[in-house]
Amino acid sequence: MFDSNVKNVNAKEAYNLIKDDKEFVILDVRSKEEYDNGHIKGAKLVPVQVLMSMMDELDKYKEKKVLVYCESGRRSPIAVDTLIDNDFKNIYHLSRGISSWKYDITK
């Protein structure tokens, strides 16, 4: 599905990755309304529709590990492809989205 720069992870794997690594950048590519209803702690809201227009702002994260998620895993692959096209190298994709997340969320 993705190239070698992307690792598909489940919720438990994602939780363990971000718990152990404070440098992780977490991108929530859902709408502001969905984000406001609850998101992974520390996640930055970058709706998939505006991701391209925010690339300059996100450029500083190119070399960092980036976890991308949406609600169910349908929108996030579009965001992942956009990140790949913009030379991001360490992308982690939450394969079933936040709907599979059984851990604390922040509002």
PDB file of N, CA and C in Angstrom:
ATOM      1  N   MET A   1       0.818  -1.200   0.000  1.00  0.00           N
ATOM      2  CA  MET A   1       0.000   0.000   0.000  1.00  0.00           C
ATOM      3  C   MET A   1       0.862   1.263   0.000  1.00  0.00           C
ATOM      4  N   PHE A   2       1.826   1.352   0.910  1.00  0.00           N
ATOM      5  CA  PHE A   2       2.707   2.518   0.964  1.00  0.00           C
ATOM      6  C   PHE A   2       4.124   2.098   0.611  1.00  0.00           C
ATOM      7  N   ASP A   3       5.005   3.098   0.489  1.00  0.00           N
ATOM      8  CA  ASP A   3       6.396   2.743   0.216  1.00  0.00           C
ATOM      9  C   ASP A   3       7.146   2.450   1.513  1.00  0.00           C
ATOM     10  N   SER A   4       8.438   2.234   1.401  1.00  0.00           N
ATOM     11  CA  SER A   4       9.218   1.776   2.557  1.00  0.00           C
ATOM     12  C   SER A   4       9.391   2.842   3.640  1.00  0.00           C
ATOM     13  N   ASN A   5       9.033   4.093   3.360  1.00  0.00           N
ATOM     14  CA  ASN A   5       9.130   5.147   4.373  1.00  0.00           C
ATOM     15  C   ASN A   5       7.955   5.113   5.343  1.00  0.00           C
ATOM     16  N   VAL A   6       6.997   4.232   5.094  1.00  0.00           N
ATOM     17  CA  VAL A   6       5.769   4.206   5.890  1.00  0.00           C
ATOM     18  C   VAL A   6       5.615   2.868   6.605  1.00  0.00           C
ATOM     19  N   LYS A   7       5.273   2.945   7.881  1.00  0.00           N
ATOM     20  CA  LYS A   7       4.980   1.734   8.637  1.00  0.00           C
ATOM     21  C   LYS A   7       3.527   1.809   9.100  1.00  0.00           C
ATOM     22  N   ASN A   8       2.746   0.817   8.720  1.00  0.00           N
ATOM     23  CA  ASN A   8       1.380   0.726   9.226  1.00  0.00           C
ATOM     24  C   ASN A   8       1.450   0.188  10.647  1.00  0.00           C
ATOM     25  N   VAL A   9       0.787   0.850  11.579  1.00  0.00           N
ATOM     26  CA  VAL A   9       0.789   0.392  12.967  1.00  0.00           C
ATOM     27  C   VAL A   9      -0.640   0.334  13.483  1.00  0.00           C
ATOM     28  N   ASN A  10      -0.855  -0.588  14.428  1.00  0.00           N
ATOM     29  CA  ASN A  10      -2.163  -0.629  15.073  1.00  0.00           C
ATOM     30  C   ASN A  10      -2.131   0.314  16.279  1.00  0.00           C
ATOM     31  N   ALA A  11      -3.258   0.438  16.966  1.00  0.00           N
ATOM     32  CA  ALA A  11      -3.364   1.394  18.072  1.00  0.00           C
ATOM     33  C   ALA A  11      -2.362   1.106  19.184  1.00  0.00           C
ATOM     34  N   LYS A  12      -2.200  -0.164  19.533  1.00  0.00           N
ATOM     35  CA  LYS A  12      -1.272  -0.512  20.611  1.00  0.00           C
ATOM     36  C   LYS A  12       0.166  -0.150  20.232  1.00  0.00           C
ATOM     37  N   GLU A  13       0.552  -0.481  18.996  1.00  0.00           N
ATOM     38  CA  GLU A  13       1.903  -0.140  18.532  1.00  0.00           C
ATOM     39  C   GLU A  13       2.110   1.381  18.535  1.00  0.00           C
ATOM     40  N   ALA A  14       1.119   2.098  18.041  1.00  0.00           N
ATOM     41  CA  ALA A  14       1.211   3.567  18.005  1.00  0.00           C
ATOM     42  C   ALA A  14       1.325   4.132  19.410  1.00  0.00           C
ATOM     43  N   TYR A  15       0.504   3.623  20.311  1.00  0.00           N
ATOM     44  CA  TYR A  15       0.540   4.087  21.706  1.00  0.00           C
ATOM     45  C   TYR A  15       1.941   3.891  22.300  1.00  0.00           C
ATOM     46  N   ASN A  16       2.499   2.700  22.110  1.00  0.00           N
ATOM     47  CA  ASN A  16       3.830   2.405  22.648  1.00  0.00           C
ATOM     48  C   ASN A  16       4.909   3.278  22.004  1.00  0.00           C
ATOM     49  N   LEU A  17       4.789   3.525  20.716  1.00  0.00           N
ATOM     50  CA  LEU A  17       5.769   4.365  20.017  1.00  0.00           C
ATOM     51  C   LEU A  17       5.773   5.788  20.574  1.00  0.00           C
ATOM     52  N   ILE A  18       4.592   6.387  20.681  1.00  0.00           N
ATOM     53  CA  ILE A  18       4.550   7.793  21.117  1.00  0.00           C
ATOM     54  C   ILE A  18       4.769   7.934  22.621  1.00  0.00           C
ATOM     55  N   LYS A  19       4.445   6.900  23.376  1.00  0.00           N
ATOM     56  CA  LYS A  19       4.686   6.921  24.817  1.00  0.00           C
ATOM     57  C   LYS A  19       6.185   6.947  25.099  1.00  0.00           C
ATOM     58  N   ASP A  20       6.938   6.218  24.302  1.00  0.00           N
ATOM     59  CA  ASP A  20       8.376   6.070  24.532  1.00  0.00           C
ATOM     60  C   ASP A  20       9.227   7.119  23.821  1.00  0.00           C
ATOM     61  N   ASP A  21       8.620   7.926  22.965  1.00  0.00           N
ATOM     62  CA  ASP A  21       9.407   8.870  22.164  1.00  0.00           C
ATOM     63  C   ASP A  21       8.716  10.229  22.118  1.00  0.00           C
ATOM     64  N   LYS A  22       9.208  11.162  22.927  1.00  0.00           N
ATOM     65  CA  LYS A  22       8.595  12.490  23.019  1.00  0.00           C
ATOM     66  C   LYS A  22       8.819  13.329  21.767  1.00  0.00           C
ATOM     67  N   GLU A  23       9.709  12.873  20.889  1.00  0.00           N
ATOM     68  CA  GLU A  23       9.996  13.613  19.662  1.00  0.00           C
ATOM     69  C   GLU A  23       8.972  13.341  18.553  1.00  0.00           C
ATOM     70  N   PHE A  24       8.110  12.355  18.757  1.00  0.00           N
ATOM     71  CA  PHE A  24       7.117  12.001  17.746  1.00  0.00           C
ATOM     72  C   PHE A  24       6.232  13.194  17.421  1.00  0.00           C
ATOM     73  N   VAL A  25       5.974  13.399  16.142  1.00  0.00           N
ATOM     74  CA  VAL A  25       5.023  14.410  15.694  1.00  0.00           C
ATOM     75  C   VAL A  25       3.748  13.649  15.342  1.00  0.00           C
ATOM     76  N   ILE A  26       2.621  14.079  15.905  1.00  0.00           N
ATOM     77  CA  ILE A  26       1.350  13.391  15.665  1.00  0.00           C
ATOM     78  C   ILE A  26       0.448  14.318  14.866  1.00  0.00           C
ATOM     79  N   LEU A  27       0.022  13.863  13.695  1.00  0.00           N
ATOM     80  CA  LEU A  27      -0.849  14.657  12.840  1.00  0.00           C
ATOM     81  C   LEU A  27      -2.238  14.038  12.778  1.00  0.00           C
ATOM     82  N   ASP A  28      -3.217  14.808  13.198  1.00  0.00           N
ATOM     83  CA  ASP A  28      -4.626  14.422  13.108  1.00  0.00           C
ATOM     84  C   ASP A  28      -5.162  15.088  11.848  1.00  0.00           C
ATOM     85  N   VAL A  29      -5.535  14.289  10.856  1.00  0.00           N
ATOM     86  CA  VAL A  29      -5.942  14.858   9.571  1.00  0.00           C
ATOM     87  C   VAL A  29      -7.466  14.904   9.399  1.00  0.00           C
ATOM     88  N   ARG A  30      -8.180  14.862  10.525  1.00  0.00           N
ATOM     89  CA  ARG A  30      -9.646  14.967  10.492  1.00  0.00           C
ATOM     90  C   ARG A  30     -10.070  16.438  10.481  1.00  0.00           C
ATOM     91  N   SER A  31     -11.362  16.661  10.573  1.00  0.00           N
ATOM     92  CA  SER A  31     -11.885  18.034  10.613  1.00  0.00           C
ATOM     93  C   SER A  31     -11.687  18.627  12.013  1.00  0.00           C
ATOM     94  N   LYS A  32     -11.800  19.953  12.111  1.00  0.00           N
ATOM     95  CA  LYS A  32     -11.664  20.617  13.407  1.00  0.00           C
ATOM     96  C   LYS A  32     -12.725  20.110  14.378  1.00  0.00           C
ATOM     97  N   GLU A  33     -13.943  19.906  13.897  1.00  0.00           N
ATOM     98  CA  GLU A  33     -15.027  19.416  14.746  1.00  0.00           C
ATOM     99  C   GLU A  33     -14.683  18.034  15.328  1.00  0.00           C
ATOM    100  N   GLU A  34     -14.182  17.133  14.493  1.00  0.00           N
ATOM    101  CA  GLU A  34     -13.786  15.801  14.971  1.00  0.00           C
ATOM    102  C   GLU A  34     -12.648  15.913  15.979  1.00  0.00           C
ATOM    103  N   TYR A  35     -11.667  16.751  15.654  1.00  0.00           N
ATOM    104  CA  TYR A  35     -10.515  16.967  16.543  1.00  0.00           C
ATOM    105  C   TYR A  35     -10.983  17.475  17.901  1.00  0.00           C
ATOM    106  N   ASP A  36     -11.887  18.447  17.887  1.00  0.00           N
ATOM    107  CA  ASP A  36     -12.397  19.033  19.132  1.00  0.00           C
ATOM    108  C   ASP A  36     -13.175  18.029  19.980  1.00  0.00           C
ATOM    109  N   ASN A  37     -13.722  17.008  19.339  1.00  0.00           N
ATOM    110  CA  ASN A  37     -14.464  15.971  20.069  1.00  0.00           C
ATOM    111  C   ASN A  37     -13.542  14.976  20.766  1.00  0.00           C
ATOM    112  N   GLY A  38     -12.257  15.033  20.464  1.00  0.00           N
ATOM    113  CA  GLY A  38     -11.280  14.158  21.116  1.00  0.00           C
ATOM    114  C   GLY A  38     -10.183  13.751  20.169  1.00  0.00           C
ATOM    115  N   HIS A  39      -8.932  13.906  20.624  1.00  0.00           N
ATOM    116  CA  HIS A  39      -7.779  13.559  19.806  1.00  0.00           C
ATOM    117  C   HIS A  39      -6.677  12.987  20.692  1.00  0.00           C
ATOM    118  N   ILE A  40      -5.700  12.374  20.052  1.00  0.00           N
ATOM    119  CA  ILE A  40      -4.543  11.849  20.775  1.00  0.00           C
ATOM    120  C   ILE A  40      -3.775  13.029  21.349  1.00  0.00           C
ATOM    121  N   LYS A  41      -3.387  12.913  22.611  1.00  0.00           N
ATOM    122  CA  LYS A  41      -2.686  14.001  23.284  1.00  0.00           C
ATOM    123  C   LYS A  41      -1.458  14.441  22.488  1.00  0.00           C
ATOM    124  N   GLY A  42      -1.352  15.741  22.281  1.00  0.00           N
ATOM    125  CA  GLY A  42      -0.211  16.295  21.565  1.00  0.00           C
ATOM    126  C   GLY A  42      -0.373  16.342  20.057  1.00  0.00           C
ATOM    127  N   ALA A  43      -1.487  15.826  19.546  1.00  0.00           N
ATOM    128  CA  ALA A  43      -1.700  15.811  18.100  1.00  0.00           C
ATOM    129  C   ALA A  43      -1.926  17.216  17.560  1.00  0.00           C
ATOM    130  N   LYS A  44      -1.370  17.456  16.379  1.00  0.00           N
ATOM    131  CA  LYS A  44      -1.574  18.726  15.687  1.00  0.00           C
ATOM    132  C   LYS A  44      -2.696  18.515  14.679  1.00  0.00           C
ATOM    133  N   LEU A  45      -3.624  19.448  14.653  1.00  0.00           N
ATOM    134  CA  LEU A  45      -4.726  19.372  13.696  1.00  0.00           C
ATOM    135  C   LEU A  45      -4.254  19.876  12.336  1.00  0.00           C
ATOM    136  N   VAL A  46      -4.275  18.983  11.355  1.00  0.00           N
ATOM    137  CA  VAL A  46      -3.920  19.328   9.982  1.00  0.00           C
ATOM    138  C   VAL A  46      -4.931  18.616   9.077  1.00  0.00           C
ATOM    139  N   PRO A  47      -6.128  19.206   8.897  1.00  0.00           N
ATOM    140  CA  PRO A  47      -7.133  18.535   8.062  1.00  0.00           C
ATOM    141  C   PRO A  47      -6.562  18.176   6.687  1.00  0.00           C
ATOM    142  N   VAL A  48      -6.890  16.996   6.218  1.00  0.00           N
ATOM    143  CA  VAL A  48      -6.309  16.483   4.970  1.00  0.00           C
ATOM    144  C   VAL A  48      -6.536  17.455   3.813  1.00  0.00           C
ATOM    145  N   GLN A  49      -7.655  18.192   3.835  1.00  0.00           N
ATOM    146  CA  GLN A  49      -7.961  19.116   2.735  1.00  0.00           C
ATOM    147  C   GLN A  49      -6.982  20.290   2.676  1.00  0.00           C
ATOM    148  N   VAL A  50      -6.364  20.642   3.807  1.00  0.00           N
ATOM    149  CA  VAL A  50      -5.464  21.804   3.831  1.00  0.00           C
ATOM    150  C   VAL A  50      -3.998  21.394   4.012  1.00  0.00           C
ATOM    151  N   LEU A  51      -3.738  20.104   4.017  1.00  0.00           N
ATOM    152  CA  LEU A  51      -2.375  19.609   4.263  1.00  0.00           C
ATOM    153  C   LEU A  51      -1.363  20.236   3.303  1.00  0.00           C
ATOM    154  N   MET A  52      -1.667  20.251   2.014  1.00  0.00           N
ATOM    155  CA  MET A  52      -0.729  20.812   1.032  1.00  0.00           C
ATOM    156  C   MET A  52      -0.414  22.273   1.346  1.00  0.00           C
ATOM    157  N   SER A  53      -1.417  23.035   1.734  1.00  0.00           N
ATOM    158  CA  SER A  53      -1.194  24.455   1.995  1.00  0.00           C
ATOM    159  C   SER A  53      -0.408  24.686   3.287  1.00  0.00           C
ATOM    160  N   MET A  54      -0.273  23.664   4.103  1.00  0.00           N
ATOM    161  CA  MET A  54       0.478  23.776   5.361  1.00  0.00           C
ATOM    162  C   MET A  54       1.878  23.171   5.261  1.00  0.00           C
ATOM    163  N   MET A  55       2.274  22.755   4.078  1.00  0.00           N
ATOM    164  CA  MET A  55       3.561  22.060   3.915  1.00  0.00           C
ATOM    165  C   MET A  55       4.742  22.900   4.393  1.00  0.00           C
ATOM    166  N   ASP A  56       4.731  24.208   4.134  1.00  0.00           N
ATOM    167  CA  ASP A  56       5.842  25.058   4.591  1.00  0.00           C
ATOM    168  C   ASP A  56       5.980  24.986   6.105  1.00  0.00           C
ATOM    169  N   GLU A  57       4.845  25.013   6.780  1.00  0.00           N
ATOM    170  CA  GLU A  57       4.810  24.946   8.242  1.00  0.00           C
ATOM    171  C   GLU A  57       5.290  23.583   8.762  1.00  0.00           C
ATOM    172  N   LEU A  58       4.972  22.529   8.028  1.00  0.00           N
ATOM    173  CA  LEU A  58       5.308  21.168   8.450  1.00  0.00           C
ATOM    174  C   LEU A  58       6.715  20.744   8.039  1.00  0.00           C
ATOM    175  N   ASP A  59       7.332  21.522   7.186  1.00  0.00           N
ATOM    176  CA  ASP A  59       8.656  21.203   6.659  1.00  0.00           C
ATOM    177  C   ASP A  59       9.669  20.851   7.745  1.00  0.00           C
ATOM    178  N   LYS A  60       9.578  21.515   8.885  1.00  0.00           N
ATOM    179  CA  LYS A  60      10.544  21.296   9.978  1.00  0.00           C
ATOM    180  C   LYS A  60      10.450  19.891  10.573  1.00  0.00           C
ATOM    181  N   TYR A  61       9.399  19.150  10.244  1.00  0.00           N
ATOM    182  CA  TYR A  61       9.210  17.797  10.776  1.00  0.00           C
ATOM    183  C   TYR A  61       9.678  16.697   9.823  1.00  0.00           C
ATOM    184  N   LYS A  62      10.228  17.063   8.679  1.00  0.00           N
ATOM    185  CA  LYS A  62      10.600  16.071   7.656  1.00  0.00           C
ATOM    186  C   LYS A  62      11.486  14.944   8.170  1.00  0.00           C
ATOM    187  N   GLU A  63      12.404  15.262   9.067  1.00  0.00           N
ATOM    188  CA  GLU A  63      13.347  14.262   9.558  1.00  0.00           C
ATOM    189  C   GLU A  63      12.855  13.570  10.829  1.00  0.00           C
ATOM    190  N   LYS A  64      11.736  14.010  11.372  1.00  0.00           N
ATOM    191  CA  LYS A  64      11.210  13.419  12.603  1.00  0.00           C
ATOM    192  C   LYS A  64      10.283  12.250  12.273  1.00  0.00           C
ATOM    193  N   LYS A  65       9.953  11.484  13.300  1.00  0.00           N
ATOM    194  CA  LYS A  65       8.956  10.424  13.144  1.00  0.00           C
ATOM    195  C   LYS A  65       7.585  11.080  13.220  1.00  0.00           C
ATOM    196  N   VAL A  66       6.740  10.747  12.269  1.00  0.00           N
ATOM    197  CA  VAL A  66       5.420  11.358  12.180  1.00  0.00           C
ATOM    198  C   VAL A  66       4.357  10.256  12.191  1.00  0.00           C
ATOM    199  N   LEU A  67       3.423  10.364  13.147  1.00  0.00           N
ATOM    200  CA  LEU A  67       2.272   9.456  13.182  1.00  0.00           C
ATOM    201  C   LEU A  67       1.087  10.192  12.572  1.00  0.00           C
ATOM    202  N   VAL A  68       0.449   9.574  11.590  1.00  0.00           N
ATOM    203  CA  VAL A  68      -0.694  10.171  10.903  1.00  0.00           C
ATOM    204  C   VAL A  68      -1.932   9.336  11.188  1.00  0.00           C
ATOM    205  N   TYR A  69      -3.032  10.028  11.531  1.00  0.00           N
ATOM    206  CA  TYR A  69      -4.284   9.285  11.722  1.00  0.00           C
ATOM    207  C   TYR A  69      -5.490  10.127  11.350  1.00  0.00           C
ATOM    208  N   CYS A  70      -6.585   9.430  11.057  1.00  0.00           N
ATOM    209  CA  CYS A  70      -7.892  10.059  10.848  1.00  0.00           C
ATOM    210  C   CYS A  70      -8.889   9.285  11.717  1.00  0.00           C
ATOM    211  N   GLU A  71     -10.129   9.244  11.323  1.00  0.00           N
ATOM    212  CA  GLU A  71     -11.138   8.548  12.124  1.00  0.00           C
ATOM    213  C   GLU A  71     -11.033   7.027  11.973  1.00  0.00           C
ATOM    214  N   SER A  72     -11.000   6.557  10.719  1.00  0.00           N
ATOM    215  CA  SER A  72     -11.070   5.113  10.493  1.00  0.00           C
ATOM    216  C   SER A  72      -9.974   4.568   9.584  1.00  0.00           C
ATOM    217  N   GLY A  73      -9.105   5.436   9.076  1.00  0.00           N
ATOM    218  CA  GLY A  73      -8.044   4.978   8.191  1.00  0.00           C
ATOM    219  C   GLY A  73      -8.344   5.179   6.719  1.00  0.00           C
ATOM    220  N   ARG A  74      -9.371   5.968   6.391  1.00  0.00           N
ATOM    221  CA  ARG A  74      -9.704   6.217   4.986  1.00  0.00           C
ATOM    222  C   ARG A  74      -9.070   7.505   4.453  1.00  0.00           C
ATOM    223  N   ARG A  75      -9.054   8.553   5.264  1.00  0.00           N
ATOM    224  CA  ARG A  75      -8.483   9.832   4.819  1.00  0.00           C
ATOM    225  C   ARG A  75      -6.972   9.883   5.011  1.00  0.00           C
ATOM    226  N   SER A  76      -6.482   9.224   6.054  1.00  0.00           N
ATOM    227  CA  SER A  76      -5.055   9.327   6.365  1.00  0.00           C
ATOM    228  C   SER A  76      -4.125   8.834   5.253  1.00  0.00           C
ATOM    229  N   PRO A  77      -4.487   7.812   4.454  1.00  0.00           N
ATOM    230  CA  PRO A  77      -3.576   7.429   3.370  1.00  0.00           C
ATOM    231  C   PRO A  77      -3.328   8.568   2.369  1.00  0.00           C
ATOM    232  N   ILE A  78      -4.325   9.408   2.170  1.00  0.00           N
ATOM    233  CA  ILE A  78      -4.149  10.564   1.277  1.00  0.00           C
ATOM    234  C   ILE A  78      -3.091  11.494   1.875  1.00  0.00           C
ATOM    235  N   ALA A  79      -3.188  11.720   3.181  1.00  0.00           N
ATOM    236  CA  ALA A  79      -2.213  12.566   3.870  1.00  0.00           C
ATOM    237  C   ALA A  79      -0.826  11.932   3.825  1.00  0.00           C
ATOM    238  N   VAL A  80      -0.758  10.625   4.030  1.00  0.00           N
ATOM    239  CA  VAL A  80       0.528   9.917   3.988  1.00  0.00           C
ATOM    240  C   VAL A  80       1.166  10.079   2.613  1.00  0.00           C
ATOM    241  N   ASP A  81       0.387   9.904   1.550  1.00  0.00           N
ATOM    242  CA  ASP A  81       0.917  10.064   0.193  1.00  0.00           C
ATOM    243  C   ASP A  81       1.450  11.480  -0.023  1.00  0.00           C
ATOM    244  N   THR A  82       0.733  12.464   0.494  1.00  0.00           N
ATOM    245  CA  THR A  82       1.171  13.862   0.377  1.00  0.00           C
ATOM    246  C   THR A  82       2.498  14.065   1.107  1.00  0.00           C
ATOM    247  N   LEU A  83       2.620  13.494   2.294  1.00  0.00           N
ATOM    248  CA  LEU A  83       3.875  13.612   3.047  1.00  0.00           C
ATOM    249  C   LEU A  83       5.027  12.942   2.302  1.00  0.00           C
ATOM    250  N   ILE A  84       4.785  11.761   1.741  1.00  0.00           N
ATOM    251  CA  ILE A  84       5.814  11.062   0.966  1.00  0.00           C
ATOM    252  C   ILE A  84       6.257  11.936  -0.213  1.00  0.00           C
ATOM    253  N   ASP A  85       5.279  12.511  -0.906  1.00  0.00           N
ATOM    254  CA  ASP A  85       5.582  13.363  -2.062  1.00  0.00           C
ATOM    255  C   ASP A  85       6.399  14.591  -1.660  1.00  0.00           C
ATOM    256  N   ASN A  86       6.358  14.939  -0.384  1.00  0.00           N
ATOM    257  CA  ASN A  86       7.095  16.095   0.118  1.00  0.00           C
ATOM    258  C   ASN A  86       8.312  15.691   0.948  1.00  0.00           C
ATOM    259  N   ASP A  87       8.805  14.488   0.687  1.00  0.00           N
ATOM    260  CA  ASP A  87      10.086  14.005   1.229  1.00  0.00           C
ATOM    261  C   ASP A  87      10.110  13.710   2.723  1.00  0.00           C
ATOM    262  N   PHE A  88       8.961  13.390   3.305  1.00  0.00           N
ATOM    263  CA  PHE A  88       8.970  12.923   4.692  1.00  0.00           C
ATOM    264  C   PHE A  88       9.474  11.483   4.682  1.00  0.00           C
ATOM    265  N   LYS A  89      10.292  11.133   5.685  1.00  0.00           N
ATOM    266  CA  LYS A  89      10.991   9.841   5.642  1.00  0.00           C
ATOM    267  C   LYS A  89      10.547   8.814   6.683  1.00  0.00           C
ATOM    268  N   ASN A  90       9.997   9.265   7.799  1.00  0.00           N
ATOM    269  CA  ASN A  90       9.658   8.363   8.915  1.00  0.00           C
ATOM    270  C   ASN A  90       8.185   8.482   9.257  1.00  0.00           C
ATOM    271  N   ILE A  91       7.344   7.911   8.427  1.00  0.00           N
ATOM    272  CA  ILE A  91       5.904   8.055   8.610  1.00  0.00           C
ATOM    273  C   ILE A  91       5.321   6.777   9.206  1.00  0.00           C
ATOM    274  N   TYR A  92       4.518   6.960  10.224  1.00  0.00           N
ATOM    275  CA  TYR A  92       3.774   5.862  10.844  1.00  0.00           C
ATOM    276  C   TYR A  92       2.300   6.146  10.609  1.00  0.00           C
ATOM    277  N   HIS A  93       1.582   5.147  10.121  1.00  0.00           N
ATOM    278  CA  HIS A  93       0.167   5.318   9.788  1.00  0.00           C
ATOM    279  C   HIS A  93      -0.672   4.469  10.738  1.00  0.00           C
ATOM    280  N   LEU A  94      -1.564   5.129  11.485  1.00  0.00           N
ATOM    281  CA  LEU A  94      -2.478   4.407  12.383  1.00  0.00           C
ATOM    282  C   LEU A  94      -3.541   3.764  11.503  1.00  0.00           C
ATOM    283  N   SER A  95      -3.380   2.465  11.259  1.00  0.00           N
ATOM    284  CA  SER A  95      -4.099   1.801  10.171  1.00  0.00           C
ATOM    285  C   SER A  95      -5.620   1.819  10.293  1.00  0.00           C
ATOM    286  N   ARG A  96      -6.170   1.787  11.488  1.00  0.00           N
ATOM    287  CA  ARG A  96      -7.638   1.825  11.590  1.00  0.00           C
ATOM    288  C   ARG A  96      -8.118   3.124  12.254  1.00  0.00           C
ATOM    289  N   GLY A  97      -7.245   4.096  12.288  1.00  0.00           N
ATOM    290  CA  GLY A  97      -7.631   5.416  12.772  1.00  0.00           C
ATOM    291  C   GLY A  97      -7.907   5.465  14.266  1.00  0.00           C
ATOM    292  N   ILE A  98      -8.361   6.633  14.700  1.00  0.00           N
ATOM    293  CA  ILE A  98      -8.606   6.844  16.123  1.00  0.00           C
ATOM    294  C   ILE A  98      -9.795   6.015  16.609  1.00  0.00           C
ATOM    295  N   SER A  99     -10.612   5.532  15.689  1.00  0.00           N
ATOM    296  CA  SER A  99     -11.735   4.681  16.112  1.00  0.00           C
ATOM    297  C   SER A  99     -11.231   3.382  16.755  1.00  0.00           C
ATOM    298  N   SER A 100      -9.969   3.020  16.483  1.00  0.00           N
ATOM    299  CA  SER A 100      -9.394   1.811  17.096  1.00  0.00           C
ATOM    300  C   SER A 100      -8.599   2.130  18.365  1.00  0.00           C
ATOM    301  N   TRP A 101      -8.516   3.397  18.714  1.00  0.00           N
ATOM    302  CA  TRP A 101      -7.703   3.874  19.845  1.00  0.00           C
ATOM    303  C   TRP A 101      -8.421   3.614  21.152  1.00  0.00           C
ATOM    304  N   LYS A 102      -7.835   2.821  22.031  1.00  0.00           N
ATOM    305  CA  LYS A 102      -8.475   2.467  23.300  1.00  0.00           C
ATOM    306  C   LYS A 102      -7.843   3.217  24.483  1.00  0.00           C
ATOM    307  N   TYR A 103      -7.014   4.212  24.178  1.00  0.00           N
ATOM    308  CA  TYR A 103      -6.273   4.910  25.222  1.00  0.00           C
ATOM    309  C   TYR A 103      -6.890   6.298  25.442  1.00  0.00           C
ATOM    310  N   ASP A 104      -6.319   7.030  26.360  1.00  0.00           N
ATOM    311  CA  ASP A 104      -6.851   8.359  26.666  1.00  0.00           C
ATOM    312  C   ASP A 104      -6.820   9.263  25.448  1.00  0.00           C
ATOM    313  N   ILE A 105      -7.862  10.098  25.365  1.00  0.00           N
ATOM    314  CA  ILE A 105      -7.863  11.148  24.364  1.00  0.00           C
ATOM    315  C   ILE A 105      -8.068  12.489  25.067  1.00  0.00           C
ATOM    316  N   THR A 106      -7.703  13.544  24.408  1.00  0.00           N
ATOM    317  CA  THR A 106      -7.766  14.893  24.944  1.00  0.00           C
ATOM    318  C   THR A 106      -8.816  15.682  24.179  1.00  0.00           C
ATOM    319  N   LYS A 107      -9.507  16.561  24.889  1.00  0.00           N
ATOM    320  CA  LYS A 107     -10.480  17.431  24.207  1.00  0.00           C
ATOM    321  C   LYS A 107     -10.048  18.864  24.294  1.00  0.00           C
TER     322      LYS A 107
END
